[in-house]
């Protein structure tokens, strides 16, 4: 079984481990640039199910910016969401999905 930490490690090895964090201005990886949904595309999603604890369930979105920057954002499922407001869900749903296997690590690892 592939874990969240294994996927993030594979992304790190491919230098695609920038964490996109949602701020009021949009997603950022901390270098002063903010991305709006039209500036990004989701190139892969990974879902992780907590076997004994539902709070361990999460989804990892691997994204690419229109400037070539690749990274990820992690969210917990449903009631256990680690984001305080609905804005994250609304924002992520506006990002186009163009899943592509060859751009990121293959599963299983």
C-alpha atoms as a PDB file:
ATOM      1  CA  UNK A   1       0.000   0.000   0.000  1.00  0.00           C
ATOM      2  CA  UNK A   2       1.290   3.447  -0.935  1.00  0.00           C
ATOM      3  CA  UNK A   3       1.294   6.043   1.832  1.00  0.00           C
ATOM      4  CA  UNK A   4       1.061   9.820   1.713  1.00  0.00           C
ATOM      5  CA  UNK A   5       4.652  10.145   2.911  1.00  0.00           C
ATOM      6  CA  UNK A   6       5.881   7.766   0.169  1.00  0.00           C
ATOM      7  CA  UNK A   7       4.201   9.840  -2.538  1.00  0.00           C
ATOM      8  CA  UNK A   8       5.591  13.092  -1.122  1.00  0.00           C
ATOM      9  CA  UNK A   9       9.076  11.529  -0.985  1.00  0.00           C
ATOM     10  CA  UNK A  10       8.817  10.487  -4.661  1.00  0.00           C
ATOM     11  CA  UNK A  11       7.747  14.038  -5.516  1.00  0.00           C
ATOM     12  CA  UNK A  12      10.722  15.382  -3.529  1.00  0.00           C
ATOM     13  CA  UNK A  13      13.119  13.186  -5.475  1.00  0.00           C
ATOM     14  CA  UNK A  14      11.667  14.586  -8.709  1.00  0.00           C
ATOM     15  CA  UNK A  15      11.849  18.150  -7.306  1.00  0.00           C
ATOM     16  CA  UNK A  16       8.079  18.461  -7.480  1.00  0.00           C
ATOM     17  CA  UNK A  17       7.554  18.809  -3.738  1.00  0.00           C
ATOM     18  CA  UNK A  18       6.493  22.465  -3.533  1.00  0.00           C
ATOM     19  CA  UNK A  19       3.520  22.637  -1.183  1.00  0.00           C
ATOM     20  CA  UNK A  20       0.750  24.862  -2.527  1.00  0.00           C
ATOM     21  CA  UNK A  21      -0.844  26.619   0.450  1.00  0.00           C
ATOM     22  CA  UNK A  22      -4.110  28.518   0.097  1.00  0.00           C
ATOM     23  CA  UNK A  23      -4.020  32.158   1.189  1.00  0.00           C
ATOM     24  CA  UNK A  24      -6.691  34.815   0.590  1.00  0.00           C
ATOM     25  CA  UNK A  25      -4.794  35.859  -2.566  1.00  0.00           C
ATOM     26  CA  UNK A  26      -4.689  32.275  -3.989  1.00  0.00           C
ATOM     27  CA  UNK A  27      -2.363  29.271  -3.823  1.00  0.00           C
ATOM     28  CA  UNK A  28       1.278  30.063  -3.093  1.00  0.00           C
ATOM     29  CA  UNK A  29       4.464  28.075  -2.559  1.00  0.00           C
ATOM     30  CA  UNK A  30       5.971  30.929  -0.579  1.00  0.00           C
ATOM     31  CA  UNK A  31       7.975  32.856  -3.174  1.00  0.00           C
ATOM     32  CA  UNK A  32       5.553  35.786  -3.387  1.00  0.00           C
ATOM     33  CA  UNK A  33       3.630  34.553  -6.410  1.00  0.00           C
ATOM     34  CA  UNK A  34      -0.027  33.621  -6.104  1.00  0.00           C
ATOM     35  CA  UNK A  35      -1.841  31.211  -8.415  1.00  0.00           C
ATOM     36  CA  UNK A  36      -5.520  31.403  -9.288  1.00  0.00           C
ATOM     37  CA  UNK A  37      -7.428  28.309 -10.480  1.00  0.00           C
ATOM     38  CA  UNK A  38      -6.910  29.283 -14.138  1.00  0.00           C
ATOM     39  CA  UNK A  39      -3.122  29.414 -13.493  1.00  0.00           C
ATOM     40  CA  UNK A  40      -3.026  25.752 -12.384  1.00  0.00           C
ATOM     41  CA  UNK A  41      -3.933  22.281 -13.541  1.00  0.00           C
ATOM     42  CA  UNK A  42      -4.264  19.116 -11.494  1.00  0.00           C
ATOM     43  CA  UNK A  43      -2.052  16.476 -13.075  1.00  0.00           C
ATOM     44  CA  UNK A  44      -2.704  13.676 -10.584  1.00  0.00           C
ATOM     45  CA  UNK A  45      -4.705  12.883  -7.489  1.00  0.00           C
ATOM     46  CA  UNK A  46      -3.968  10.311  -4.806  1.00  0.00           C
ATOM     47  CA  UNK A  47      -6.536   9.209  -2.239  1.00  0.00           C
ATOM     48  CA  UNK A  48      -5.469   7.686   1.047  1.00  0.00           C
ATOM     49  CA  UNK A  49      -7.886   5.750   3.262  1.00  0.00           C
ATOM     50  CA  UNK A  50      -7.268   5.506   7.002  1.00  0.00           C
ATOM     51  CA  UNK A  51      -7.629   1.795   7.808  1.00  0.00           C
ATOM     52  CA  UNK A  52      -8.347   2.242  11.504  1.00  0.00           C
ATOM     53  CA  UNK A  53      -8.936   5.985  11.866  1.00  0.00           C
ATOM     54  CA  UNK A  54     -11.192   7.949   9.485  1.00  0.00           C
ATOM     55  CA  UNK A  55      -9.242  11.112  10.307  1.00  0.00           C
ATOM     56  CA  UNK A  56      -6.279   9.571   8.434  1.00  0.00           C
ATOM     57  CA  UNK A  57      -8.174   9.752   5.115  1.00  0.00           C
ATOM     58  CA  UNK A  58      -6.827  12.399   2.771  1.00  0.00           C
ATOM     59  CA  UNK A  59      -6.347  13.418  -0.835  1.00  0.00           C
ATOM     60  CA  UNK A  60      -3.169  14.755  -2.394  1.00  0.00           C
ATOM     61  CA  UNK A  61      -3.478  16.915  -5.507  1.00  0.00           C
ATOM     62  CA  UNK A  62      -0.364  17.127  -7.693  1.00  0.00           C
ATOM     63  CA  UNK A  63      -0.538  20.395  -9.608  1.00  0.00           C
ATOM     64  CA  UNK A  64       1.373  22.330 -12.215  1.00  0.00           C
ATOM     65  CA  UNK A  65       1.344  26.099 -12.582  1.00  0.00           C
ATOM     66  CA  UNK A  66       1.257  27.891 -15.915  1.00  0.00           C
ATOM     67  CA  UNK A  67       4.917  28.799 -15.252  1.00  0.00           C
ATOM     68  CA  UNK A  68       5.946  25.111 -14.993  1.00  0.00           C
ATOM     69  CA  UNK A  69       6.091  25.024 -11.190  1.00  0.00           C
ATOM     70  CA  UNK A  70       4.974  21.629  -9.897  1.00  0.00           C
ATOM     71  CA  UNK A  71       3.858  20.811  -6.414  1.00  0.00           C
ATOM     72  CA  UNK A  72       1.037  19.460  -4.302  1.00  0.00           C
ATOM     73  CA  UNK A  73      -1.742  20.283  -1.881  1.00  0.00           C
ATOM     74  CA  UNK A  74      -3.123  17.913   0.738  1.00  0.00           C
ATOM     75  CA  UNK A  75      -6.641  17.884   2.161  1.00  0.00           C
ATOM     76  CA  UNK A  76      -8.421  15.525   4.524  1.00  0.00           C
ATOM     77  CA  UNK A  77     -11.732  14.008   3.470  1.00  0.00           C
ATOM     78  CA  UNK A  78     -15.113  15.454   4.369  1.00  0.00           C
ATOM     79  CA  UNK A  79     -15.770  16.274   8.001  1.00  0.00           C
ATOM     80  CA  UNK A  80     -12.081  15.867   8.848  1.00  0.00           C
ATOM     81  CA  UNK A  81     -10.943  18.564   6.407  1.00  0.00           C
ATOM     82  CA  UNK A  82      -7.850  20.375   7.603  1.00  0.00           C
ATOM     83  CA  UNK A  83      -9.025  23.676   6.088  1.00  0.00           C
ATOM     84  CA  UNK A  84     -11.070  26.050   8.215  1.00  0.00           C
ATOM     85  CA  UNK A  85     -13.365  27.348   5.511  1.00  0.00           C
ATOM     86  CA  UNK A  86     -15.241  26.269   2.418  1.00  0.00           C
ATOM     87  CA  UNK A  87     -13.008  28.443   0.244  1.00  0.00           C
ATOM     88  CA  UNK A  88     -10.457  25.616  -0.215  1.00  0.00           C
ATOM     89  CA  UNK A  89     -13.067  23.229  -1.646  1.00  0.00           C
ATOM     90  CA  UNK A  90     -14.480  25.918  -3.923  1.00  0.00           C
ATOM     91  CA  UNK A  91     -10.983  26.899  -5.082  1.00  0.00           C
ATOM     92  CA  UNK A  92      -9.745  23.353  -5.778  1.00  0.00           C
ATOM     93  CA  UNK A  93     -12.906  22.476  -7.729  1.00  0.00           C
ATOM     94  CA  UNK A  94     -12.192  25.346 -10.152  1.00  0.00           C
ATOM     95  CA  UNK A  95      -8.756  23.974 -11.112  1.00  0.00           C
ATOM     96  CA  UNK A  96      -8.855  22.034 -14.397  1.00  0.00           C
ATOM     97  CA  UNK A  97      -7.931  18.361 -14.197  1.00  0.00           C
ATOM     98  CA  UNK A  98      -5.511  17.057 -16.815  1.00  0.00           C
ATOM     99  CA  UNK A  99      -4.237  13.875 -15.224  1.00  0.00           C
ATOM    100  CA  UNK A 100      -1.023  12.600 -16.763  1.00  0.00           C
ATOM    101  CA  UNK A 101       0.799   9.518 -15.504  1.00  0.00           C
ATOM    102  CA  UNK A 102       4.173  10.260 -17.102  1.00  0.00           C
ATOM    103  CA  UNK A 103       4.777  13.577 -15.341  1.00  0.00           C
ATOM    104  CA  UNK A 104       4.874  12.222 -11.810  1.00  0.00           C
ATOM    105  CA  UNK A 105       5.849   9.065  -9.926  1.00  0.00           C
ATOM    106  CA  UNK A 106       3.991   5.936 -10.859  1.00  0.00           C
ATOM    107  CA  UNK A 107       2.073   4.006  -8.230  1.00  0.00           C
ATOM    108  CA  UNK A 108       2.642   1.607  -6.620  1.00  0.00           C
ATOM    109  CA  UNK A 109       6.027   2.638  -5.280  1.00  0.00           C
END
